[in-house]
Amino acid sequence: MTPNMKGAGPIGQALIKRDVVSLSPSYTREYALVVDRAEGSELWDMDGRRYIDFMAGIAVMNAGHRHPAVVEAVKQQLDKFWHICLSDFYYPQAIELAEKLQEIAPMKDSLVFLGNTGTEAVEAAIKLAMHHTGRHKFIGFMGAFHGRTLGSLSFTASKAVQRARYKTALQVHHLPYPNEYRPLLHKKEGESYGDTVINYLENEVFRNLVSPHGIAGVLVEPIQGEGGYLVPAPNFFPRLRQICDKYGILLITDEIQSGAGRTGQWWASEHEGVEPDITCFAKGIGSGMPIGGIMARRELMTWGPGAHGSTFGGNPIAAISALTTLQVIEKEGMMQMAAETGSYIMNTLEQLQTLHPSIGDLRGRGLMIGMEFVKDHTSKERAVDLRNAIIQKAFQKGLLMIPCGANAIRITPPLNIPRNLVDEGMKIFVEALTEAEAEYL
């Protein structure tokens, strides 16, 4: 397969050619970015070109690239020890991180399990739900992305290629996500689409497909990430919590992309006023160090030694990076920054929407913003080629953006991105959008 070389300089092109013959072709590469270094909300490629970062390593670098406090904490830990295995021994870095997570957890009186990645966090949540309830069936949602290991892949339903040729490991019944812009279910007059989805679950799925008494858990993203940065319709989460309580089902929230302050709260579920039973975290927690895990209500962690574990999960370097990241997000007021900057960007986009017919829908919270592109507002026909062109043109002009859903773009810069870089980035975006509309509309 010939790689996309557009925008890469000679050094970058040479490295991409080496990449193609040495690394797995399963990796999805958005464009020809070959990174040399990063700082704050800016990156430079191997040929010295500067970029504004509106994607933060897929919503990972919440505190920015190489935050000085995180760098210093990691350096100090490197001089102490790197690994001993949390599953078998003790060390203060993991304990202190767990205590901090308990402090900010979206549920009362929690315990923490530490792993390496988001998909491992989901696997841990699945296993805990099965272990505690004695049940083995689940509810998931169309458009969801929860990871690529076989358990989490049973829930992932965002792209068919991700599931092709793999046998699902679990029995998961998928529902439409409560997306008001593109509803799949018929909504009664005066009814919230959130109620529509829950009514479908209780009156159709539980009646005709699977007994609620066999369901161990419902796994759901409080804002659906890869599926399009979808904010759930009103009343969906409160009703879902009621259904879970009614039938003894565990409510599991996947906050891998939406957590760690990205939406202006520690957790996106806080916007819904609902407490989950288990929350999965990763990405923005660790400033790029490999760490993930779950928080669960203490009474649910009924498994004993050996029921679950991880050789490298919560290793001391990743743990201290995560702890320091959470501390600086709190100390420097980054959640407030996310809320204010997100509102500023959204206001700008709403003004652009009146001038650019391809912007079909805007949604998000804080600095988790989605833009859906259409050929016209009436038909809502997806403008996939136009979306792809915007991303490529923005890259070549010095702005890093990535897609989500079939025809949307996400805006997820570091929470502390300076306003001047926001303005510079938005100017580039408008140029790319205008050029793309001229070609594809």
Protein backbone atom coordinates (compact mmCIF):
# COMPACT_ATOMS: atom_id res chain seq x y z
CA MET A 1 0.00 0.00 0.00
CA THR A 2 1.41 3.39 -1.02
CA PRO A 3 1.45 5.73 1.99
CA ASN A 4 0.14 9.28 1.88
CA MET A 5 3.22 11.52 1.65
CA LYS A 6 1.39 14.84 1.26
CA GLY A 7 2.76 17.46 3.61
CA ALA A 8 5.86 15.52 4.68
CA GLY A 9 9.34 16.86 4.02
CA PRO A 10 12.24 14.76 2.71
CA ILE A 11 13.26 13.44 6.14
CA GLY A 12 9.68 12.56 6.98
CA GLN A 13 9.14 10.84 3.63
CA ALA A 14 12.27 8.73 4.10
CA LEU A 15 11.10 7.64 7.55
CA ILE A 16 7.60 6.80 6.28
CA LYS A 17 9.15 4.55 3.61
CA ARG A 18 11.10 2.72 6.33
CA ASP A 19 7.95 2.48 8.46
CA VAL A 20 5.99 0.76 5.67
CA VAL A 21 8.49 -2.09 5.38
CA SER A 22 9.00 -2.60 9.13
CA LEU A 23 5.69 -2.00 10.95
CA SER A 24 2.29 -3.70 10.80
CA PRO A 25 -0.07 -2.49 8.05
CA SER A 26 -2.93 -2.62 10.58
CA TYR A 27 -2.04 0.84 11.89
CA THR A 28 -4.34 3.62 10.65
CA ARG A 29 -2.35 6.71 9.72
CA GLU A 30 -4.35 9.92 9.30
CA TYR A 31 -1.68 11.89 7.43
CA ALA A 32 2.07 12.14 6.95
CA LEU A 33 3.02 13.57 10.35
CA VAL A 34 6.45 12.36 11.51
CA VAL A 35 7.02 13.86 14.97
CA ASP A 36 10.36 15.13 16.24
CA ARG A 37 9.37 17.03 19.40
CA ALA A 38 6.44 18.61 21.21
CA GLU A 39 5.87 21.28 23.84
CA GLY A 40 2.60 22.46 25.34
CA SER A 41 0.10 22.67 22.47
CA GLU A 42 2.65 22.66 19.64
CA LEU A 43 4.55 19.97 17.72
CA TRP A 44 7.45 20.01 15.24
CA ASP A 45 8.08 17.37 12.61
CA MET A 46 11.39 15.85 11.55
CA ASP A 47 11.78 18.50 8.86
CA GLY A 48 11.32 21.34 11.38
CA ARG A 49 7.77 22.30 10.51
CA ARG A 50 5.60 23.60 13.37
CA TYR A 51 2.01 22.50 14.06
CA ILE A 52 -0.76 23.61 16.42
CA ASP A 53 -2.18 20.58 18.20
CA PHE A 54 -5.98 20.33 18.15
CA MET A 55 -5.97 16.58 18.84
CA ALA A 56 -3.59 16.04 21.80
CA GLY A 57 -2.54 12.54 20.80
CA ILE A 58 -6.23 11.50 20.58
CA ALA A 59 -7.30 13.30 23.77
CA VAL A 60 -4.32 12.03 25.77
CA MET A 61 -2.19 15.10 26.48
CA ASN A 62 -4.74 16.89 28.66
CA ALA A 63 -2.06 18.85 30.53
CA GLY A 64 -0.15 19.53 27.31
CA HIS A 65 2.99 17.95 25.94
CA ARG A 66 5.83 17.67 28.43
CA HIS A 67 4.26 19.65 31.26
CA PRO A 68 7.27 20.70 33.41
CA ALA A 69 5.84 19.25 36.64
CA VAL A 70 5.10 15.90 35.00
CA VAL A 71 8.54 15.78 33.36
CA GLU A 72 10.25 16.50 36.68
CA ALA A 73 8.21 13.89 38.56
CA VAL A 74 9.02 11.23 35.97
CA LYS A 75 12.73 12.12 36.03
CA GLN A 76 12.84 11.78 39.81
CA GLN A 77 11.09 8.40 39.65
CA LEU A 78 13.54 7.16 37.01
CA ASP A 79 16.31 7.67 39.55
CA LYS A 80 14.49 5.47 42.10
CA PHE A 81 13.05 2.35 40.40
CA TRP A 82 11.09 1.50 37.26
CA HIS A 83 9.30 -1.76 37.99
CA ILE A 84 8.54 -4.31 40.68
CA CYS A 85 4.96 -5.49 39.80
CA LEU A 86 1.96 -4.07 41.62
CA SER A 87 0.15 -7.41 41.45
CA ASP A 88 2.72 -8.91 43.83
CA PHE A 89 4.23 -6.09 45.87
CA TYR A 90 3.58 -2.58 47.20
CA TYR A 91 4.86 0.90 46.41
CA PRO A 92 3.67 4.39 47.39
CA GLN A 93 3.31 5.79 43.86
CA ALA A 94 0.41 3.44 43.07
CA ILE A 95 -1.17 3.95 46.49
CA GLU A 96 -1.06 7.74 46.18
CA LEU A 97 -2.51 7.62 42.67
CA ALA A 98 -5.34 5.36 43.85
CA GLU A 99 -6.07 7.71 46.75
CA LYS A 100 -6.26 10.66 44.33
CA LEU A 101 -8.60 8.73 42.04
CA GLN A 102 -10.81 7.85 45.02
CA GLU A 103 -10.94 11.56 45.86
CA ILE A 104 -12.22 12.53 42.39
CA ALA A 105 -14.17 9.36 41.56
CA PRO A 106 -17.68 9.77 40.14
CA MET A 107 -19.08 7.32 42.68
CA LYS A 108 -18.97 7.24 46.48
CA ASP A 109 -16.54 4.93 48.34
CA SER A 110 -14.59 3.38 45.48
CA LEU A 111 -11.66 1.04 45.00
CA VAL A 112 -9.17 1.24 42.11
CA PHE A 113 -7.59 -1.30 39.78
CA LEU A 114 -4.63 -0.15 37.66
CA GLY A 115 -3.71 -1.51 34.23
CA ASN A 116 -1.86 -0.22 31.17
CA THR A 117 -4.41 0.82 28.56
CA GLY A 118 -7.99 1.69 27.82
CA THR A 119 -8.87 -1.70 26.41
CA GLU A 120 -7.43 -3.33 29.54
CA ALA A 121 -9.62 -1.04 31.64
CA VAL A 122 -12.67 -2.22 29.74
CA GLU A 123 -11.61 -5.86 30.12
CA ALA A 124 -11.26 -5.34 33.88
CA ALA A 125 -14.73 -3.77 34.05
CA ILE A 126 -16.23 -6.67 32.08
CA LYS A 127 -14.60 -9.26 34.31
CA LEU A 128 -15.59 -7.48 37.52
CA ALA A 129 -19.21 -7.20 36.37
CA MET A 130 -19.33 -10.90 35.53
CA HIS A 131 -17.56 -11.88 38.75
CA HIS A 132 -19.83 -9.81 40.98
CA THR A 133 -23.19 -10.50 39.34
CA GLY A 134 -22.66 -14.08 38.21
CA ARG A 135 -24.15 -13.04 34.83
CA HIS A 136 -22.42 -13.01 31.46
CA LYS A 137 -24.51 -10.95 29.00
CA PHE A 138 -24.18 -7.22 28.34
CA ILE A 139 -25.73 -4.18 26.66
CA GLY A 140 -23.62 -1.98 24.37
CA PHE A 141 -24.26 0.76 21.80
CA MET A 142 -23.92 1.25 18.07
CA GLY A 143 -21.03 3.55 17.18
CA ALA A 144 -19.13 2.70 20.36
CA PHE A 145 -15.39 2.18 20.57
CA HIS A 146 -14.08 0.41 23.66
CA GLY A 147 -10.88 -1.22 22.42
CA ARG A 148 -9.57 -4.04 20.25
CA THR A 149 -8.92 -6.97 22.59
CA LEU A 150 -11.60 -9.64 22.17
CA GLY A 151 -13.67 -8.74 25.23
CA SER A 152 -13.78 -5.02 24.54
CA LEU A 153 -14.10 -5.70 20.80
CA SER A 154 -17.40 -7.45 21.54
CA PHE A 155 -18.71 -3.99 22.49
CA THR A 156 -16.88 -1.94 19.83
CA ALA A 157 -19.27 -1.11 17.00
CA SER A 158 -17.85 1.96 15.27
CA LYS A 159 -16.26 0.46 12.14
CA ALA A 160 -16.97 -2.94 10.61
CA VAL A 161 -13.29 -3.46 9.75
CA GLN A 162 -12.43 -3.51 13.45
CA ARG A 163 -14.60 -6.62 13.96
CA ALA A 164 -14.07 -8.32 10.60
CA ARG A 165 -12.70 -11.89 10.84
CA TYR A 166 -12.82 -11.88 14.65
CA LYS A 167 -15.24 -13.94 16.70
CA THR A 168 -16.79 -11.92 19.50
CA ALA A 169 -15.95 -13.18 22.95
CA LEU A 170 -19.11 -11.99 24.72
CA GLN A 171 -22.85 -11.84 24.10
CA VAL A 172 -23.51 -8.11 23.71
CA HIS A 173 -26.84 -6.67 22.58
CA HIS A 174 -26.26 -3.31 20.87
CA LEU A 175 -28.72 -0.40 21.06
CA PRO A 176 -28.76 2.82 19.05
CA TYR A 177 -26.84 5.55 20.87
CA PRO A 178 -29.22 8.43 21.80
CA ASN A 179 -28.09 10.68 18.93
CA GLU A 180 -30.76 13.32 18.38
CA TYR A 181 -29.22 14.53 15.12
CA ARG A 182 -29.50 11.11 13.48
CA PRO A 183 -32.14 9.11 15.39
CA LEU A 184 -32.52 5.46 14.32
CA LEU A 185 -35.68 4.81 16.35
CA HIS A 186 -39.10 6.41 15.91
CA LYS A 187 -39.61 9.09 18.54
CA LYS A 188 -43.10 9.80 19.81
CA GLU A 189 -44.27 13.40 19.72
CA GLY A 190 -43.07 15.33 22.77
CA GLU A 191 -40.73 12.53 23.85
CA SER A 192 -37.00 12.98 24.44
CA TYR A 193 -34.94 10.69 22.25
CA GLY A 194 -33.19 9.60 25.43
CA ASP A 195 -36.51 8.20 26.63
CA THR A 196 -37.08 6.62 23.20
CA VAL A 197 -33.89 4.56 23.45
CA ILE A 198 -34.58 3.44 27.02
CA ASN A 199 -38.18 2.53 26.18
CA TYR A 200 -36.86 0.44 23.28
CA LEU A 201 -34.48 -1.33 25.66
CA GLU A 202 -37.12 -2.18 28.21
CA ASN A 203 -40.15 -2.77 25.99
CA GLU A 204 -38.50 -4.50 23.02
CA VAL A 205 -35.01 -5.81 23.82
CA PHE A 206 -35.83 -7.07 27.31
CA ARG A 207 -39.16 -8.48 26.14
CA ASN A 208 -38.05 -10.13 22.88
CA LEU A 209 -34.30 -10.75 22.92
CA VAL A 210 -32.81 -11.18 26.37
CA SER A 211 -34.02 -11.21 29.96
CA PRO A 212 -32.77 -8.23 32.00
CA HIS A 213 -32.00 -10.70 34.79
CA GLY A 214 -29.23 -12.19 32.64
CA ILE A 215 -27.50 -8.86 31.97
CA ALA A 216 -24.34 -8.23 33.98
CA GLY A 217 -23.75 -4.67 32.84
CA VAL A 218 -24.38 -1.82 30.43
CA LEU A 219 -21.19 -0.33 28.95
CA VAL A 220 -21.66 3.20 27.63
CA GLU A 221 -19.65 6.32 26.79
CA PRO A 222 -21.06 9.47 28.47
CA ILE A 223 -20.00 11.22 25.26
CA GLN A 224 -19.49 8.80 22.41
CA GLY A 225 -15.97 9.33 21.11
CA GLU A 226 -14.98 7.59 17.89
CA GLY A 227 -18.65 7.29 17.00
CA GLY A 228 -18.81 11.04 16.37
CA TYR A 229 -18.43 12.95 19.65
CA LEU A 230 -22.11 12.48 20.38
CA VAL A 231 -23.64 14.07 23.46
CA PRO A 232 -26.50 11.83 24.67
CA ALA A 233 -30.07 13.06 24.40
CA PRO A 234 -31.70 14.45 27.57
CA ASN A 235 -33.03 12.00 30.16
CA PHE A 236 -31.08 9.07 28.72
CA PHE A 237 -28.64 8.63 31.60
CA PRO A 238 -31.14 9.12 34.46
CA ARG A 239 -33.47 6.56 32.85
CA LEU A 240 -30.58 4.18 32.22
CA ARG A 241 -29.57 4.41 35.89
CA GLN A 242 -33.15 3.59 36.88
CA ILE A 243 -33.23 0.55 34.58
CA CYS A 244 -29.94 -0.73 35.97
CA ASP A 245 -31.15 -0.35 39.55
CA LYS A 246 -34.46 -2.03 38.72
CA TYR A 247 -32.86 -5.20 37.35
CA GLY A 248 -29.59 -5.40 39.29
CA ILE A 249 -27.48 -4.44 36.25
CA LEU A 250 -24.17 -2.61 36.68
CA LEU A 251 -23.80 0.75 34.93
CA ILE A 252 -20.27 0.92 33.47
CA THR A 253 -19.08 4.22 32.00
CA ASP A 254 -16.20 4.36 29.55
CA GLU A 255 -14.45 7.66 30.35
CA ILE A 256 -11.23 6.72 28.58
CA GLN A 257 -11.55 9.66 26.18
CA SER A 258 -13.95 11.91 28.09
CA GLY A 259 -12.34 11.79 31.53
CA ALA A 260 -9.54 13.61 33.37
CA GLY A 261 -11.14 17.03 33.05
CA ARG A 262 -11.67 17.10 29.28
CA THR A 263 -15.34 18.14 29.46
CA GLY A 264 -14.86 20.74 32.20
CA GLN A 265 -15.58 18.18 34.94
CA TRP A 266 -13.37 15.33 36.07
CA TRP A 267 -15.80 12.91 34.40
CA ALA A 268 -18.37 13.47 31.66
CA SER A 269 -20.95 11.46 33.64
CA GLU A 270 -21.01 14.30 36.17
CA HIS A 271 -22.84 16.43 33.58
CA GLU A 272 -25.63 13.83 33.65
CA GLY A 273 -26.07 13.87 37.44
CA VAL A 274 -25.75 10.08 37.55
CA GLU A 275 -23.33 7.89 39.53
CA PRO A 276 -21.97 4.88 37.64
CA ASP A 277 -21.07 1.59 39.33
CA ILE A 278 -17.77 1.21 37.45
CA THR A 279 -15.78 3.80 35.50
CA CYS A 280 -13.01 3.01 32.99
CA PHE A 281 -10.17 5.52 32.61
CA ALA A 282 -6.93 5.86 30.59
CA LYS A 283 -5.73 8.35 27.92
CA GLY A 284 -5.72 11.81 29.59
CA ILE A 285 -4.84 10.40 33.01
CA GLY A 286 -1.16 9.78 32.33
CA SER A 287 0.18 12.49 29.98
CA GLY A 288 1.19 9.83 27.46
CA MET A 289 2.52 7.20 29.87
CA PRO A 290 0.76 3.83 29.46
CA ILE A 291 -1.79 3.65 32.25
CA GLY A 292 -5.48 2.83 32.57
CA GLY A 293 -7.81 1.17 34.99
CA ILE A 294 -11.17 1.19 36.69
CA MET A 295 -12.81 2.76 39.70
CA ALA A 296 -15.70 0.77 41.16
CA ARG A 297 -17.94 0.99 44.17
CA ARG A 298 -16.16 -0.76 47.03
CA GLU A 299 -19.01 -3.22 47.57
CA LEU A 300 -18.62 -4.49 43.98
CA MET A 301 -14.96 -5.45 44.26
CA THR A 302 -15.77 -8.87 45.65
CA TRP A 303 -13.02 -10.65 43.74
CA GLY A 304 -10.04 -12.00 45.65
CA PRO A 305 -6.27 -12.37 45.03
CA GLY A 306 -5.52 -13.82 41.61
CA ALA A 307 -8.95 -13.13 40.12
CA HIS A 308 -7.42 -10.34 38.06
CA GLY A 309 -4.01 -8.71 37.76
CA SER A 310 -1.39 -7.06 35.54
CA THR A 311 2.39 -7.37 35.34
CA PHE A 312 3.02 -3.78 34.26
CA GLY A 313 -0.26 -2.13 35.28
CA GLY A 314 0.27 0.96 37.43
CA ASN A 315 4.05 0.75 37.14
CA PRO A 316 5.76 3.44 39.26
CA ILE A 317 6.72 5.72 36.35
CA ALA A 318 3.22 5.67 34.85
CA ALA A 319 1.66 6.04 38.30
CA ILE A 320 3.70 9.10 39.23
CA SER A 321 3.03 10.62 35.81
CA ALA A 322 -0.72 10.11 36.30
CA LEU A 323 -0.72 11.43 39.85
CA THR A 324 1.19 14.56 38.85
CA THR A 325 -1.04 15.07 35.80
CA LEU A 326 -4.18 15.03 37.96
CA GLN A 327 -2.54 17.37 40.46
CA VAL A 328 -1.58 19.97 37.84
CA ILE A 329 -5.00 19.78 36.16
CA GLU A 330 -6.51 20.64 39.52
CA LYS A 331 -3.89 23.11 40.76
CA GLU A 332 -3.76 25.12 37.53
CA GLY A 333 -7.52 25.21 37.03
CA MET A 334 -7.44 23.32 33.73
CA MET A 335 -11.02 22.09 34.00
CA GLN A 336 -12.20 25.69 34.13
CA MET A 337 -9.90 26.44 31.20
CA ALA A 338 -11.47 23.55 29.27
CA ALA A 339 -14.96 24.87 29.93
CA GLU A 340 -14.08 28.46 28.97
CA THR A 341 -11.98 27.60 25.91
CA GLY A 342 -14.57 25.06 24.79
CA SER A 343 -17.32 27.68 25.01
CA TYR A 344 -15.15 30.13 23.06
CA ILE A 345 -14.50 27.59 20.28
CA MET A 346 -18.14 26.52 20.17
CA ASN A 347 -19.30 30.14 19.84
CA THR A 348 -16.86 30.63 16.98
CA LEU A 349 -18.08 27.46 15.26
CA GLU A 350 -21.72 28.49 15.63
CA GLN A 351 -20.92 31.73 13.82
CA LEU A 352 -19.09 29.77 11.11
CA GLN A 353 -22.07 27.45 10.77
CA THR A 354 -24.17 30.34 9.43
CA LEU A 355 -21.57 31.01 6.72
CA HIS A 356 -20.53 27.47 5.79
CA PRO A 357 -23.30 25.12 4.59
CA SER A 358 -21.23 21.99 5.18
CA ILE A 359 -21.28 22.31 9.00
CA GLY A 360 -24.34 20.22 9.81
CA ASP A 361 -24.14 19.71 13.55
CA LEU A 362 -22.04 20.98 16.45
CA ARG A 363 -21.89 19.18 19.79
CA GLY A 364 -19.66 18.61 22.76
CA ARG A 365 -18.74 19.66 26.26
CA GLY A 366 -15.62 21.50 27.32
CA LEU A 367 -12.76 20.62 24.99
CA MET A 368 -14.47 17.54 23.58
CA ILE A 369 -16.07 19.13 20.52
CA GLY A 370 -17.46 17.42 17.42
CA MET A 371 -18.37 18.93 14.03
CA GLU A 372 -20.40 16.90 11.55
CA PHE A 373 -20.10 17.74 7.86
CA VAL A 374 -22.96 17.33 5.39
CA LYS A 375 -23.70 18.11 1.75
CA ASP A 376 -26.77 20.10 2.78
CA HIS A 377 -28.69 20.76 5.99
CA THR A 378 -31.98 19.33 4.76
CA SER A 379 -30.92 15.85 3.64
CA LYS A 380 -28.00 15.63 6.11
CA GLU A 381 -26.16 13.54 3.51
CA ARG A 382 -22.72 12.77 4.91
CA ALA A 383 -19.87 14.77 3.34
CA VAL A 384 -17.08 12.25 3.95
CA ASP A 385 -14.70 13.40 1.20
CA LEU A 386 -15.08 17.01 2.27
CA ARG A 387 -14.34 16.11 5.90
CA ASN A 388 -11.23 14.20 4.84
CA ALA A 389 -10.07 17.10 2.69
CA ILE A 390 -10.44 19.57 5.57
CA ILE A 391 -8.23 17.43 7.79
CA GLN A 392 -5.55 17.00 5.10
CA LYS A 393 -5.56 20.68 4.14
CA ALA A 394 -5.38 21.74 7.79
CA PHE A 395 -2.38 19.47 8.32
CA GLN A 396 -0.55 20.90 5.34
CA LYS A 397 -1.24 24.41 6.71
CA GLY A 398 0.07 23.54 10.18
CA LEU A 399 -2.97 22.37 12.20
CA LEU A 400 -3.44 18.85 13.56
CA MET A 401 -7.01 17.54 13.59
CA ILE A 402 -8.45 14.02 13.44
CA PRO A 403 -11.79 12.52 12.38
CA CYS A 404 -14.51 10.75 14.33
CA GLY A 405 -17.64 9.04 13.15
CA ALA A 406 -18.30 8.67 9.43
CA ASN A 407 -18.14 12.38 8.61
CA ALA A 408 -17.16 14.38 11.70
CA ILE A 409 -14.03 16.09 13.02
CA ARG A 410 -13.12 16.30 16.68
CA ILE A 411 -11.43 19.22 18.44
CA THR A 412 -9.52 18.02 21.50
CA PRO A 413 -6.51 20.25 22.23
CA PRO A 414 -4.72 20.23 25.58
CA LEU A 415 -6.93 21.70 28.30
CA ASN A 416 -4.45 24.54 28.85
CA ILE A 417 -4.02 25.59 25.22
CA PRO A 418 -3.34 29.38 25.10
CA ARG A 419 -5.98 31.57 23.48
CA ASN A 420 -3.56 32.87 20.84
CA LEU A 421 -2.96 29.31 19.61
CA VAL A 422 -6.71 28.67 19.58
CA ASP A 423 -7.19 31.71 17.38
CA GLU A 424 -4.31 30.75 15.09
CA GLY A 425 -5.64 27.20 14.81
CA MET A 426 -9.19 28.33 14.08
CA LYS A 427 -7.91 30.66 11.34
CA ILE A 428 -6.19 27.70 9.67
CA PHE A 429 -9.32 25.59 10.07
CA VAL A 430 -11.46 28.22 8.33
CA GLU A 431 -8.99 28.38 5.43
CA ALA A 432 -9.04 24.59 5.07
CA LEU A 433 -12.84 24.49 5.34
CA THR A 434 -13.31 27.22 2.74
CA GLU A 435 -10.99 25.52 0.25
CA ALA A 436 -12.60 22.11 0.81
CA GLU A 437 -16.13 23.48 0.32
CA ALA A 438 -15.05 25.11 -2.94
CA GLU A 439 -13.87 21.72 -4.20
CA TYR A 440 -16.57 19.38 -2.86
CA LEU A 441 -19.82 21.33 -2.51
